[in-house]
Amino acid sequence: MTEVELFRARIALLQAFLRENKYDGILLSRVDNFAMATGGKRNYVNFASDGGANSLFVTKDGKAYFVGNTIEEPRVMAEELGPLGCESQSFLWFADDAASTIEKNFSGTLVSDDGALGQNVNGAMDYIRALLTPAELDKYRKLGALAADAMTATVQSVRAGMAEADIASILIAEGAKRRCMVPVALIAADERIARFRHPLPTVGPLTHGSLAERAVKGYVMIVGCFQREGLVASITRFRQVADIPANIHDAYKRVCGVDAIMQEASEPGKTLGDVFAACQKAYKDLGFPENEWHNHHQGGTTGYGARTAKGAPGERFPIVDTVWPKRVKEIAGIDVPFGHAFAWNPSGVGVKSEDTFILSADGKKEIVTSTPSLPQVDLGKVLGRSTSVVKTGITGA
């Protein structure tokens, strides 16, 4: 599938969304939705912002337009949208904005992903963001390998006494070497792992403040989200540099067992709620408190965003819905199966398990962030049965 063919498939998905909801056009300004609609193109200047520096307008008939100021137009049309056959709706940077430009030139029921034009439908597009063509699943294989390499290099560089912020800088640099952005770099040493599920690395204050930088004494948790062409691969690994509490190794193996069960339960025809029910049971069966899942979200589908939808009790989000391929074929004549990518992340006190895996329309699964050079968990022993899931152990244990 060429990038133009991928673009047409993604635009056809948006056409189906527009027609189903009786909308005439949609203005996409968010960075994640711009990437989703274009097969991974960039509309940001500041990648840390949800909103981009320009927009994409798509009509129910499949026409697509760059919408933005004359600062962004030359680069975006030359390097991102022009090769895809998009037209341009531009304006002087001081004179107008994307929403009003579209209102002047198009009629009908128009919506947007940020509320700037008509109804905000960002939440309604969750499933569109989660649908991935075989070409995008192949991108995930490559992205996952880059993420795994960067994480492995980071884990192997950790030494006793290393500051959390220095570990974060290594993780980000290793990602950058592989041409990946690292929008999430969470680092926790020792007791901070047990205290915080989203541990920003400690950084000393510029002037006054009580937060002191922490250094690794026993073990460290390293969490990274690696982004390229709009797709995000998430991965968590642990490194031990000295003695740690005796219960950590057992708890870590058991939480990897929870992760394995969730991966096994992620099957076409099921829902995220079905997987979550398996997660709740797994926590109990593997010796965790029944309500351990209250302390952190458990992950979900990924893709154009770290999580396109999260698992939750009773969540009806369908896994590999067969309706959308039919709609795309009807609209664009493109016969393409859609799969998903997942990043489940069960956690307990002082432990966590996280990898990214892809699920093809035919049910085939593949962990794309595997790190075979690091030690492995004996999941057969943890689960009391065989499993195809592979999980990495604590390095240095």
Protein backbone atom coordinates (compact mmCIF):
# COMPACT_ATOMS: atom_id res chain seq x y z
CA MET A 1 0.00 0.00 0.00
CA THR A 2 1.50 3.34 -1.08
CA GLU A 3 1.17 6.45 1.06
CA VAL A 4 -1.47 7.77 -1.35
CA GLU A 5 -3.45 4.51 -1.08
CA LEU A 6 -3.17 4.67 2.70
CA PHE A 7 -4.40 8.26 2.61
CA ARG A 8 -7.41 7.30 0.50
CA ALA A 9 -8.30 4.50 2.91
CA ARG A 10 -8.13 6.88 5.88
CA ILE A 11 -10.16 9.54 4.09
CA ALA A 12 -12.75 6.88 3.21
CA LEU A 13 -13.05 6.09 6.91
CA LEU A 14 -13.74 9.76 7.59
CA GLN A 15 -16.26 9.86 4.74
CA ALA A 16 -18.07 6.91 6.31
CA PHE A 17 -18.05 8.70 9.67
CA LEU A 18 -19.43 11.89 8.11
CA ARG A 19 -22.15 10.14 6.15
CA GLU A 20 -23.26 8.00 9.05
CA ASN A 21 -23.68 11.10 11.21
CA LYS A 22 -25.12 13.29 8.43
CA TYR A 23 -22.23 15.76 8.53
CA ASP A 24 -21.02 17.58 5.41
CA GLY A 25 -17.45 18.20 6.46
CA ILE A 26 -14.98 18.00 9.31
CA LEU A 27 -12.10 20.26 10.33
CA LEU A 28 -9.26 18.34 11.96
CA SER A 29 -6.79 20.44 13.93
CA ARG A 30 -5.56 18.09 16.63
CA VAL A 31 -2.13 16.59 16.04
CA ASP A 32 -3.38 13.02 16.57
CA ASN A 33 -6.36 13.38 14.24
CA PHE A 34 -4.32 15.08 11.53
CA ALA A 35 -1.89 12.16 11.62
CA MET A 36 -4.75 9.64 11.70
CA ALA A 37 -6.46 11.19 8.68
CA THR A 38 -3.27 11.44 6.61
CA GLY A 39 -1.51 8.20 7.49
CA GLY A 40 1.05 9.86 9.75
CA LYS A 41 1.65 13.37 8.42
CA ARG A 42 2.67 16.27 10.67
CA ASN A 43 0.80 19.52 11.37
CA TYR A 44 2.61 20.58 14.55
CA VAL A 45 5.34 23.02 15.41
CA ASN A 46 5.17 22.32 19.14
CA PHE A 47 4.70 18.55 19.38
CA ALA A 48 3.77 18.85 23.08
CA SER A 49 0.50 20.57 22.16
CA ASP A 50 -2.74 18.75 21.32
CA GLY A 51 -3.53 21.37 18.71
CA GLY A 52 -1.56 21.67 15.50
CA ALA A 53 -0.31 24.71 13.64
CA ASN A 54 -2.63 24.02 10.70
CA SER A 55 -5.67 21.89 9.92
CA LEU A 56 -7.13 19.42 7.44
CA PHE A 57 -10.68 19.83 6.13
CA VAL A 58 -12.41 16.77 4.70
CA THR A 59 -15.80 16.75 2.97
CA LYS A 60 -18.29 13.89 2.84
CA ASP A 61 -17.36 13.52 -0.85
CA GLY A 62 -13.73 12.83 0.03
CA LYS A 63 -12.15 16.16 -0.87
CA ALA A 64 -9.28 17.13 1.45
CA TYR A 65 -7.75 20.55 1.99
CA PHE A 66 -4.84 22.10 3.83
CA VAL A 67 -6.28 24.87 6.00
CA GLY A 68 -3.78 27.22 7.59
CA ASN A 69 -1.74 30.36 7.42
CA THR A 70 0.89 31.27 4.88
CA ILE A 71 3.67 30.48 7.36
CA GLU A 72 2.80 26.77 7.43
CA GLU A 73 1.49 26.36 3.89
CA PRO A 74 4.83 26.08 2.00
CA ARG A 75 6.29 23.27 4.12
CA VAL A 76 3.08 21.36 4.76
CA MET A 77 2.02 21.41 1.11
CA ALA A 78 5.52 20.51 -0.10
CA GLU A 79 6.32 17.78 2.42
CA GLU A 80 3.05 16.52 3.91
CA LEU A 81 -0.22 17.13 2.04
CA GLY A 82 0.76 18.15 -1.49
CA PRO A 83 2.04 14.68 -2.46
CA LEU A 84 -1.32 13.27 -1.34
CA GLY A 85 -3.26 15.46 -3.78
CA CYS A 86 -4.72 17.89 -1.25
CA GLU A 87 -5.79 21.40 -2.21
CA SER A 88 -5.16 24.50 -0.11
CA GLN A 89 -7.26 27.01 1.81
CA SER A 90 -4.75 29.49 3.20
CA PHE A 91 -4.83 32.89 4.88
CA LEU A 92 -2.42 35.48 6.24
CA TRP A 93 -1.28 34.62 9.76
CA PHE A 94 -2.72 37.82 11.26
CA ALA A 95 -5.92 38.01 9.25
CA ASP A 96 -7.97 34.86 9.83
CA ASP A 97 -8.21 31.37 11.31
CA ALA A 98 -9.02 27.88 10.06
CA ALA A 99 -12.62 27.70 11.29
CA SER A 100 -13.74 31.04 9.84
CA THR A 101 -11.96 30.29 6.55
CA ILE A 102 -13.95 27.08 6.15
CA GLU A 103 -17.21 28.78 7.17
CA LYS A 104 -16.70 31.36 4.42
CA ASN A 105 -16.07 28.79 1.69
CA PHE A 106 -18.21 25.76 2.59
CA SER A 107 -21.79 25.19 3.65
CA GLY A 108 -23.80 22.49 5.36
CA THR A 109 -23.40 20.82 8.72
CA LEU A 110 -19.73 21.26 9.54
CA VAL A 111 -18.02 19.85 12.61
CA SER A 112 -14.54 19.83 14.12
CA ASP A 113 -12.33 17.91 16.54
CA ASP A 114 -11.79 20.86 18.89
CA GLY A 115 -15.07 22.77 18.94
CA ALA A 116 -13.77 25.60 16.76
CA LEU A 117 -16.28 24.77 14.02
CA GLY A 118 -19.69 23.33 14.85
CA GLN A 119 -19.93 20.34 17.17
CA ASN A 120 -16.81 18.89 18.79
CA VAL A 121 -16.77 15.26 17.60
CA ASN A 122 -13.32 14.26 18.81
CA GLY A 123 -14.66 11.68 21.25
CA ALA A 124 -16.94 10.20 18.61
CA MET A 125 -13.90 9.42 16.46
CA ASP A 126 -12.20 7.14 19.00
CA TYR A 127 -12.89 4.04 16.94
CA ILE A 128 -11.66 5.64 13.71
CA ARG A 129 -8.34 6.40 15.43
CA ALA A 130 -8.04 2.79 16.58
CA LEU A 131 -8.56 1.20 13.13
CA LEU A 132 -5.25 0.33 11.47
CA THR A 133 -4.62 -0.92 7.95
CA PRO A 134 -2.06 -3.69 7.27
CA ALA A 135 0.34 -0.93 6.15
CA GLU A 136 0.00 0.77 9.54
CA LEU A 137 0.43 -2.53 11.38
CA ASP A 138 3.65 -2.99 9.43
CA LYS A 139 4.71 0.48 10.54
CA TYR A 140 4.06 -0.69 14.09
CA ARG A 141 6.46 -3.60 13.62
CA LYS A 142 9.20 -1.16 12.67
CA LEU A 143 8.30 1.38 15.36
CA GLY A 144 8.11 -1.32 18.03
CA ALA A 145 11.57 -2.57 17.11
CA LEU A 146 12.97 0.95 17.38
CA ALA A 147 11.26 1.45 20.75
CA ALA A 148 12.57 -1.88 22.03
CA ASP A 149 16.11 -1.06 20.91
CA ALA A 150 15.99 2.36 22.57
CA MET A 151 14.60 0.90 25.79
CA THR A 152 17.17 -1.91 25.84
CA ALA A 153 20.01 0.57 25.43
CA THR A 154 18.59 2.70 28.25
CA VAL A 155 18.09 -0.24 30.63
CA GLN A 156 21.62 -1.48 30.03
CA SER A 157 23.08 1.98 30.73
CA VAL A 158 21.59 2.30 34.22
CA ARG A 159 24.02 2.20 37.13
CA ALA A 160 23.58 2.58 40.89
CA GLY A 161 23.47 6.23 41.89
CA MET A 162 22.18 7.44 38.52
CA ALA A 163 19.61 10.22 38.80
CA GLU A 164 16.09 9.64 37.49
CA ALA A 165 16.38 12.72 35.25
CA ASP A 166 19.59 11.37 33.71
CA ILE A 167 17.86 8.08 32.91
CA ALA A 168 15.03 10.03 31.28
CA SER A 169 17.53 12.00 29.19
CA ILE A 170 19.13 8.76 28.00
CA LEU A 171 15.72 7.31 27.08
CA ILE A 172 14.78 10.42 25.10
CA ALA A 173 18.17 10.53 23.39
CA GLU A 174 18.04 6.85 22.45
CA GLY A 175 14.61 7.45 20.95
CA ALA A 176 15.84 10.50 19.05
CA LYS A 177 18.79 8.52 17.64
CA ARG A 178 16.20 6.23 16.08
CA ARG A 179 14.18 9.21 14.80
CA CYS A 180 11.42 8.72 17.37
CA MET A 181 9.93 11.37 19.61
CA VAL A 182 9.47 10.35 23.24
CA PRO A 183 6.45 12.33 24.51
CA VAL A 184 6.25 10.22 27.68
CA ALA A 185 9.33 9.38 29.76
CA LEU A 186 8.39 8.27 33.27
CA ILE A 187 11.15 7.25 35.68
CA ALA A 188 10.79 6.08 39.28
CA ALA A 189 13.50 4.79 41.60
CA ASP A 190 12.91 2.49 44.54
CA GLU A 191 10.01 3.53 46.80
CA ARG A 192 8.69 6.05 44.25
CA ILE A 193 7.67 3.07 42.08
CA ALA A 194 5.23 1.97 44.76
CA ARG A 195 3.97 5.49 45.52
CA PHE A 196 3.23 6.83 42.05
CA ARG A 197 1.72 5.18 38.96
CA HIS A 198 2.70 8.14 36.73
CA PRO A 199 6.13 9.11 38.12
CA LEU A 200 7.65 12.08 36.36
CA PRO A 201 11.42 11.95 36.91
CA THR A 202 12.43 14.13 39.82
CA VAL A 203 14.12 17.39 38.85
CA GLY A 204 15.52 19.87 41.33
CA PRO A 205 13.97 23.37 41.43
CA LEU A 206 15.56 26.32 39.65
CA THR A 207 15.23 28.51 42.74
CA HIS A 208 13.14 27.44 45.72
CA GLY A 209 11.23 24.23 46.29
CA SER A 210 11.16 21.02 48.28
CA LEU A 211 11.47 18.42 45.50
CA ALA A 212 14.90 16.84 45.50
CA GLU A 213 16.31 14.75 42.68
CA ARG A 214 16.29 11.02 43.33
CA ALA A 215 18.97 8.52 42.39
CA VAL A 216 18.63 4.76 41.93
CA LYS A 217 19.66 2.69 44.93
CA GLY A 218 17.97 -0.68 44.36
CA TYR A 219 15.85 -0.70 41.20
CA VAL A 220 14.19 1.61 38.71
CA MET A 221 11.09 1.60 36.52
CA ILE A 222 11.51 3.07 33.03
CA VAL A 223 8.40 3.92 30.99
CA GLY A 224 8.56 5.25 27.44
CA CYS A 225 6.10 6.15 24.70
CA PHE A 226 7.82 6.33 21.31
CA GLN A 227 6.12 8.23 18.52
CA ARG A 228 6.78 8.29 14.80
CA GLU A 229 4.44 9.08 11.89
CA GLY A 230 1.70 9.66 14.44
CA LEU A 231 1.78 6.12 15.85
CA VAL A 232 2.77 5.46 19.46
CA ALA A 233 4.46 2.39 20.94
CA SER A 234 4.47 2.08 24.74
CA ILE A 235 6.89 -0.03 26.75
CA THR A 236 7.92 -0.41 30.41
CA ARG A 237 11.03 -2.12 31.74
CA PHE A 238 12.79 -2.52 35.11
CA ARG A 239 16.46 -2.53 36.04
CA GLN A 240 17.86 -3.77 39.37
CA VAL A 241 21.24 -2.44 40.54
CA ALA A 242 21.31 -3.66 44.15
CA ASP A 243 19.18 -5.53 46.70
CA ILE A 244 15.44 -4.85 46.58
CA PRO A 245 12.48 -5.97 48.73
CA ALA A 246 12.04 -9.74 48.48
CA ASN A 247 8.40 -9.53 47.40
CA ILE A 248 9.06 -7.44 44.27
CA HIS A 249 10.28 -10.27 42.06
CA ASP A 250 7.25 -12.42 42.78
CA ALA A 251 4.82 -9.53 42.35
CA TYR A 252 6.48 -8.55 39.09
CA LYS A 253 6.12 -12.04 37.64
CA ARG A 254 2.47 -12.15 38.69
CA VAL A 255 1.64 -8.77 37.13
CA CYS A 256 3.24 -10.03 33.92
CA GLY A 257 0.80 -12.93 34.20
CA VAL A 258 -2.09 -10.46 34.35
CA ASP A 259 -0.71 -8.77 31.24
CA ALA A 260 -0.45 -12.13 29.44
CA ILE A 261 -4.06 -12.98 30.24
CA MET A 262 -5.20 -9.59 28.91
CA GLN A 263 -3.27 -10.12 25.68
CA GLU A 264 -4.81 -13.57 25.29
CA ALA A 265 -8.31 -12.12 25.84
CA SER A 266 -7.87 -9.46 23.15
CA GLU A 267 -9.67 -11.27 20.34
CA PRO A 268 -11.72 -10.17 17.31
CA GLY A 269 -15.41 -10.05 18.15
CA LYS A 270 -14.85 -9.24 21.81
CA THR A 271 -15.00 -5.84 23.49
CA LEU A 272 -12.60 -3.90 25.67
CA GLY A 273 -15.04 -4.64 28.47
CA ASP A 274 -14.56 -8.37 27.92
CA VAL A 275 -10.80 -7.96 28.22
CA PHE A 276 -11.25 -5.84 31.32
CA ALA A 277 -13.35 -8.57 32.94
CA ALA A 278 -10.50 -11.01 32.27
CA CYS A 279 -8.13 -8.46 33.83
CA GLN A 280 -10.21 -8.18 36.99
CA LYS A 281 -10.33 -11.95 37.37
CA ALA A 282 -6.60 -12.26 36.69
CA TYR A 283 -5.72 -9.82 39.45
CA LYS A 284 -7.72 -11.89 41.91
CA ASP A 285 -6.50 -15.27 40.65
CA LEU A 286 -2.86 -14.18 40.73
CA GLY A 287 -2.94 -12.93 44.30
CA PHE A 288 -3.45 -9.19 43.96
CA PRO A 289 -6.15 -7.21 45.82
CA GLU A 290 -9.43 -7.46 43.92
CA ASN A 291 -9.58 -3.69 43.52
CA GLU A 292 -5.96 -3.23 42.43
CA TRP A 293 -7.24 -1.97 39.09
CA HIS A 294 -8.74 1.05 40.88
CA ASN A 295 -5.24 2.48 41.29
CA HIS A 296 -4.40 2.92 37.61
CA HIS A 297 -5.99 2.54 34.19
CA GLN A 298 -5.10 -0.77 32.58
CA GLY A 299 -4.38 0.51 29.08
CA GLY A 300 -6.28 -0.32 25.91
CA THR A 301 -6.08 0.25 22.19
CA THR A 302 -3.30 2.43 20.88
CA GLY A 303 -2.48 3.89 17.48
CA TYR A 304 -2.69 7.60 16.71
CA GLY A 305 -2.35 8.48 20.38
CA ALA A 306 -0.88 6.63 23.35
CA ARG A 307 -4.34 5.24 24.10
CA THR A 308 -7.18 5.59 21.60
CA ALA A 309 -9.59 3.91 24.04
CA LYS A 310 -9.10 2.52 27.53
CA GLY A 311 -10.51 -0.69 28.92
CA ALA A 312 -13.07 -0.26 31.70
CA PRO A 313 -15.86 -2.28 33.29
CA GLY A 314 -18.60 -2.83 30.72
CA GLU A 315 -16.75 -0.92 27.97
CA ARG A 316 -18.48 -1.81 24.68
CA PHE A 317 -15.69 -0.68 22.35
CA PRO A 318 -15.56 -3.53 19.78
CA ILE A 319 -12.36 -5.32 18.86
CA VAL A 320 -11.95 -5.60 15.05
CA ASP A 321 -15.44 -4.57 14.00
CA THR A 322 -16.13 -5.90 10.49
CA VAL A 323 -18.52 -3.07 9.56
CA TRP A 324 -15.90 -0.45 8.72
CA PRO A 325 -14.07 -2.40 5.99
CA LYS A 326 -17.42 -2.79 4.20
CA ARG A 327 -18.07 0.95 4.40
CA VAL A 328 -14.63 1.80 3.04
CA LYS A 329 -15.12 -0.60 0.12
CA GLU A 330 -18.53 0.89 -0.65
CA ILE A 331 -17.17 4.45 -0.60
CA ALA A 332 -13.70 4.12 -2.13
CA GLY A 333 -13.65 0.67 -3.71
CA ILE A 334 -10.74 -0.23 -1.43
CA ASP A 335 -10.75 -3.75 0.00
CA VAL A 336 -8.74 -3.39 3.21
CA PRO A 337 -8.98 -5.30 6.52
CA PHE A 338 -8.51 -3.26 9.68
CA GLY A 339 -6.73 -4.42 12.81
CA HIS A 340 -5.75 -2.82 16.10
CA ALA A 341 -2.74 -2.18 18.28
CA PHE A 342 -2.90 -2.61 22.05
CA ALA A 343 -0.87 -1.47 25.03
CA TRP A 344 -2.21 -3.02 28.21
CA ASN A 345 -0.40 -1.95 31.38
CA PRO A 346 -1.51 -3.76 34.55
CA SER A 347 0.33 -2.65 37.66
CA GLY A 348 0.66 -3.37 41.36
CA VAL A 349 2.53 -1.87 44.27
CA GLY A 350 6.08 -1.43 42.99
CA VAL A 351 5.54 -3.34 39.72
CA LYS A 352 4.07 -2.89 36.25
CA SER A 353 3.95 -4.74 32.91
CA GLU A 354 3.59 -3.01 29.54
CA ASP A 355 4.23 -3.87 25.90
CA THR A 356 2.64 -2.94 22.60
CA PHE A 357 1.21 -5.68 20.39
CA ILE A 358 -0.72 -5.70 17.14
CA LEU A 359 -3.84 -7.68 16.29
CA SER A 360 -4.59 -8.36 12.64
CA ALA A 361 -8.11 -8.75 11.30
CA ASP A 362 -7.57 -12.51 11.12
CA GLY A 363 -6.78 -12.68 14.84
CA LYS A 364 -3.01 -13.00 14.55
CA LYS A 365 -1.11 -11.26 17.37
CA GLU A 366 2.45 -10.02 17.52
CA ILE A 367 4.28 -8.24 20.33
CA VAL A 368 6.21 -5.49 18.56
CA THR A 369 8.17 -4.18 21.58
CA SER A 370 9.76 -7.48 22.62
CA THR A 371 13.27 -7.23 24.09
CA PRO A 372 14.75 -10.74 23.71
CA SER A 373 18.25 -9.72 24.80
CA LEU A 374 16.90 -8.97 28.28
CA PRO A 375 15.89 -11.69 30.78
CA GLN A 376 12.48 -13.35 30.31
CA VAL A 377 9.72 -14.27 32.76
CA ASP A 378 8.69 -17.93 32.97
CA LEU A 379 5.01 -17.30 32.30
CA GLY A 380 4.28 -21.03 32.11
CA LYS A 381 5.23 -21.30 35.76
CA VAL A 382 3.26 -18.16 36.70
CA LEU A 383 0.08 -19.25 34.90
CA GLY A 384 0.44 -22.99 35.40
CA ARG A 385 0.02 -23.57 31.67
CA SER A 386 1.61 -22.68 28.37
CA THR A 387 1.10 -19.32 26.67
CA SER A 388 2.37 -17.70 23.48
CA VAL A 389 2.88 -14.40 25.30
CA VAL A 390 6.45 -13.45 26.14
CA LYS A 391 7.32 -10.97 28.89
CA THR A 392 10.64 -9.43 29.87
CA GLY A 393 11.87 -9.84 33.43
CA ILE A 394 13.73 -7.45 35.72
CA THR A 395 17.17 -6.87 34.24
CA GLY A 396 20.03 -7.38 36.65
CA ALA A 397 18.01 -9.55 39.04
